[in-house]
C-alpha cells in the first residue's frame, strides 16, 4: 500500500520513500535527486550524483 502517493520502503516495510530535491552548481533545480526512507532506523536511500546512481550510501548531517 502506498501512503501519500509515495512507495513503501521495500527494505524495512515500515517507512515510505520520499523524494528530495537539490540545486546544482549554477543554481538550477535538480528534482528528485534522492529518495529516502522516512523510517530513521532504516536509513535506506537512493541518490543520483553526476549521473551515477548510489544505493544505501550512509547519510550524514550537513553543516553548510
N, C-alpha and C. Protein backbone atom coordinates (compact mmCIF):
# COMPACT_ATOMS: atom_id res chain seq x y z
N UNK A 1 0.84 -1.18 0.00
CA UNK A 1 0.00 0.00 0.00
C UNK A 1 0.88 1.25 0.00
N UNK A 2 0.44 2.27 -0.68
CA UNK A 2 1.22 3.50 -0.77
C UNK A 2 0.59 4.57 0.11
N UNK A 3 1.41 5.26 0.88
CA UNK A 3 0.97 6.35 1.75
C UNK A 3 1.28 7.66 1.06
N UNK A 4 0.33 8.56 0.98
CA UNK A 4 0.53 9.88 0.37
C UNK A 4 1.03 9.78 -1.06
N UNK A 5 0.79 8.66 -1.73
CA UNK A 5 1.22 8.51 -3.11
C UNK A 5 2.69 8.13 -3.27
N UNK A 6 3.41 7.92 -2.17
CA UNK A 6 4.81 7.54 -2.23
C UNK A 6 4.92 6.04 -2.00
N UNK A 7 5.93 5.39 -2.62
CA UNK A 7 6.07 3.94 -2.47
C UNK A 7 6.57 3.53 -1.08
N UNK A 8 6.09 2.39 -0.62
CA UNK A 8 6.53 1.83 0.65
C UNK A 8 7.98 1.36 0.51
N UNK A 9 8.76 1.54 1.56
CA UNK A 9 10.15 1.08 1.54
C UNK A 9 10.17 -0.45 1.55
N UNK A 10 10.83 -1.03 0.57
CA UNK A 10 10.89 -2.49 0.49
C UNK A 10 11.91 -3.08 1.43
N UNK A 11 12.81 -2.25 1.96
CA UNK A 11 13.81 -2.76 2.90
C UNK A 11 13.18 -2.99 4.28
N UNK A 12 12.52 -1.97 4.84
CA UNK A 12 12.00 -2.10 6.21
C UNK A 12 10.51 -2.38 6.28
N UNK A 13 9.77 -2.14 5.20
CA UNK A 13 8.32 -2.35 5.16
C UNK A 13 7.56 -1.45 6.13
N UNK A 14 8.23 -0.47 6.75
CA UNK A 14 7.59 0.42 7.71
C UNK A 14 7.46 1.83 7.15
N UNK A 15 8.55 2.37 6.66
CA UNK A 15 8.56 3.74 6.14
C UNK A 15 8.13 3.80 4.69
N UNK A 16 8.07 5.02 4.18
CA UNK A 16 7.80 5.24 2.76
C UNK A 16 8.99 6.00 2.18
N UNK A 17 9.19 5.87 0.89
CA UNK A 17 10.27 6.59 0.22
C UNK A 17 9.75 7.95 -0.23
N UNK A 18 10.43 9.01 0.21
CA UNK A 18 10.03 10.36 -0.17
C UNK A 18 11.13 10.99 -1.03
N UNK A 19 10.74 11.79 -2.04
CA UNK A 19 11.74 12.40 -2.91
C UNK A 19 12.32 13.66 -2.29
N UNK A 20 13.60 13.88 -2.53
CA UNK A 20 14.28 15.10 -2.11
C UNK A 20 14.89 15.76 -3.34
N UNK A 21 14.83 17.07 -3.38
CA UNK A 21 15.39 17.83 -4.49
C UNK A 21 16.58 18.62 -4.00
N UNK A 22 17.35 19.16 -4.94
CA UNK A 22 18.55 19.93 -4.60
C UNK A 22 18.74 20.98 -5.67
N UNK A 23 19.80 21.76 -5.54
CA UNK A 23 20.16 22.73 -6.56
C UNK A 23 21.55 22.40 -7.07
N UNK A 24 21.74 22.59 -8.38
CA UNK A 24 23.03 22.34 -8.99
C UNK A 24 24.01 23.47 -8.72
N UNK A 25 25.20 23.32 -9.24
CA UNK A 25 26.27 24.29 -9.02
C UNK A 25 25.90 25.69 -9.51
N UNK A 26 25.12 25.75 -10.56
CA UNK A 26 24.75 27.04 -11.15
C UNK A 26 23.36 27.49 -10.71
N UNK A 27 22.80 26.85 -9.68
CA UNK A 27 21.52 27.26 -9.14
C UNK A 27 20.29 26.64 -9.78
N UNK A 28 20.47 25.75 -10.75
CA UNK A 28 19.31 25.13 -11.38
C UNK A 28 18.79 24.00 -10.49
N UNK A 29 17.46 23.84 -10.50
CA UNK A 29 16.83 22.84 -9.65
C UNK A 29 17.10 21.43 -10.18
N UNK A 30 17.39 20.51 -9.26
CA UNK A 30 17.53 19.09 -9.60
C UNK A 30 16.41 18.38 -8.84
N UNK A 31 15.33 18.06 -9.55
CA UNK A 31 14.20 17.41 -8.91
C UNK A 31 14.49 15.94 -8.66
N UNK A 32 14.04 15.48 -7.52
CA UNK A 32 14.13 14.07 -7.14
C UNK A 32 15.56 13.53 -7.23
N UNK A 33 16.48 14.27 -6.69
CA UNK A 33 17.89 13.85 -6.68
C UNK A 33 18.08 12.63 -5.81
N UNK A 34 17.24 12.50 -4.79
CA UNK A 34 17.36 11.36 -3.87
C UNK A 34 15.98 10.92 -3.42
N UNK A 35 15.89 9.66 -3.05
CA UNK A 35 14.69 9.10 -2.40
C UNK A 35 15.17 8.51 -1.08
N UNK A 36 14.50 8.87 0.00
CA UNK A 36 14.94 8.48 1.34
C UNK A 36 13.78 7.89 2.11
N UNK A 37 14.06 6.81 2.87
CA UNK A 37 13.04 6.18 3.71
C UNK A 37 12.73 7.09 4.90
N UNK A 38 11.45 7.21 5.24
CA UNK A 38 11.03 8.06 6.36
C UNK A 38 11.28 7.41 7.71
N UNK A 39 11.62 6.13 7.73
CA UNK A 39 11.91 5.43 8.98
C UNK A 39 13.38 5.68 9.34
N UNK A 40 13.67 6.48 10.39
CA UNK A 40 15.07 6.79 10.71
C UNK A 40 15.92 5.57 11.06
N UNK A 41 15.31 4.50 11.53
CA UNK A 41 16.06 3.29 11.86
C UNK A 41 16.50 2.53 10.61
N UNK A 42 15.79 2.74 9.51
CA UNK A 42 16.10 2.04 8.26
C UNK A 42 17.26 2.73 7.54
N UNK A 43 17.11 4.00 7.23
CA UNK A 43 18.16 4.75 6.57
C UNK A 43 18.37 4.46 5.09
N UNK A 44 17.48 3.69 4.46
CA UNK A 44 17.65 3.39 3.03
C UNK A 44 17.57 4.67 2.22
N UNK A 45 18.43 4.79 1.22
CA UNK A 45 18.39 5.94 0.33
C UNK A 45 18.91 5.57 -1.04
N UNK A 46 18.45 6.31 -2.01
CA UNK A 46 18.82 6.13 -3.41
C UNK A 46 19.12 7.53 -3.93
N UNK A 47 20.33 7.76 -4.49
CA UNK A 47 20.73 9.09 -4.93
C UNK A 47 21.27 9.07 -6.35
N UNK A 48 21.19 10.22 -6.99
CA UNK A 48 21.82 10.41 -8.29
C UNK A 48 22.88 11.48 -8.11
N UNK A 49 24.14 11.14 -8.35
CA UNK A 49 25.25 12.09 -8.26
C UNK A 49 26.06 12.03 -9.54
N UNK A 50 26.12 13.14 -10.24
CA UNK A 50 26.87 13.23 -11.50
C UNK A 50 26.49 12.12 -12.48
N UNK A 51 25.20 11.83 -12.55
CA UNK A 51 24.70 10.82 -13.49
C UNK A 51 24.84 9.39 -13.02
N UNK A 52 25.39 9.15 -11.83
CA UNK A 52 25.55 7.80 -11.31
C UNK A 52 24.58 7.57 -10.16
N UNK A 53 24.03 6.38 -10.08
CA UNK A 53 23.08 6.04 -9.02
C UNK A 53 23.82 5.38 -7.86
N UNK A 54 23.58 5.90 -6.66
CA UNK A 54 24.15 5.33 -5.44
C UNK A 54 23.02 4.78 -4.60
N UNK A 55 23.17 3.56 -4.11
CA UNK A 55 22.14 2.95 -3.27
C UNK A 55 22.73 2.67 -1.91
N UNK A 56 22.05 3.14 -0.87
CA UNK A 56 22.43 2.82 0.50
C UNK A 56 23.63 3.54 1.04
N UNK A 57 24.08 4.60 0.37
CA UNK A 57 25.23 5.37 0.87
C UNK A 57 24.84 5.97 2.23
N UNK A 58 25.76 5.93 3.19
CA UNK A 58 25.47 6.40 4.53
C UNK A 58 25.09 7.88 4.51
N UNK A 59 24.03 8.21 5.24
CA UNK A 59 23.55 9.58 5.28
C UNK A 59 24.18 10.29 6.46
N UNK A 60 24.74 11.44 6.21
CA UNK A 60 25.34 12.24 7.26
C UNK A 60 24.66 13.59 7.36
N UNK A 61 24.90 14.30 8.41
CA UNK A 61 24.32 15.62 8.60
C UNK A 61 25.20 16.65 7.91
N UNK A 62 24.56 17.57 7.20
CA UNK A 62 25.30 18.64 6.51
C UNK A 62 25.35 19.86 7.41
N UNK A 63 26.51 20.48 7.48
CA UNK A 63 26.67 21.68 8.30
C UNK A 63 26.90 22.92 7.43
N UNK A 64 26.40 22.91 6.19
CA UNK A 64 26.55 24.06 5.27
C UNK A 64 25.66 25.19 5.68
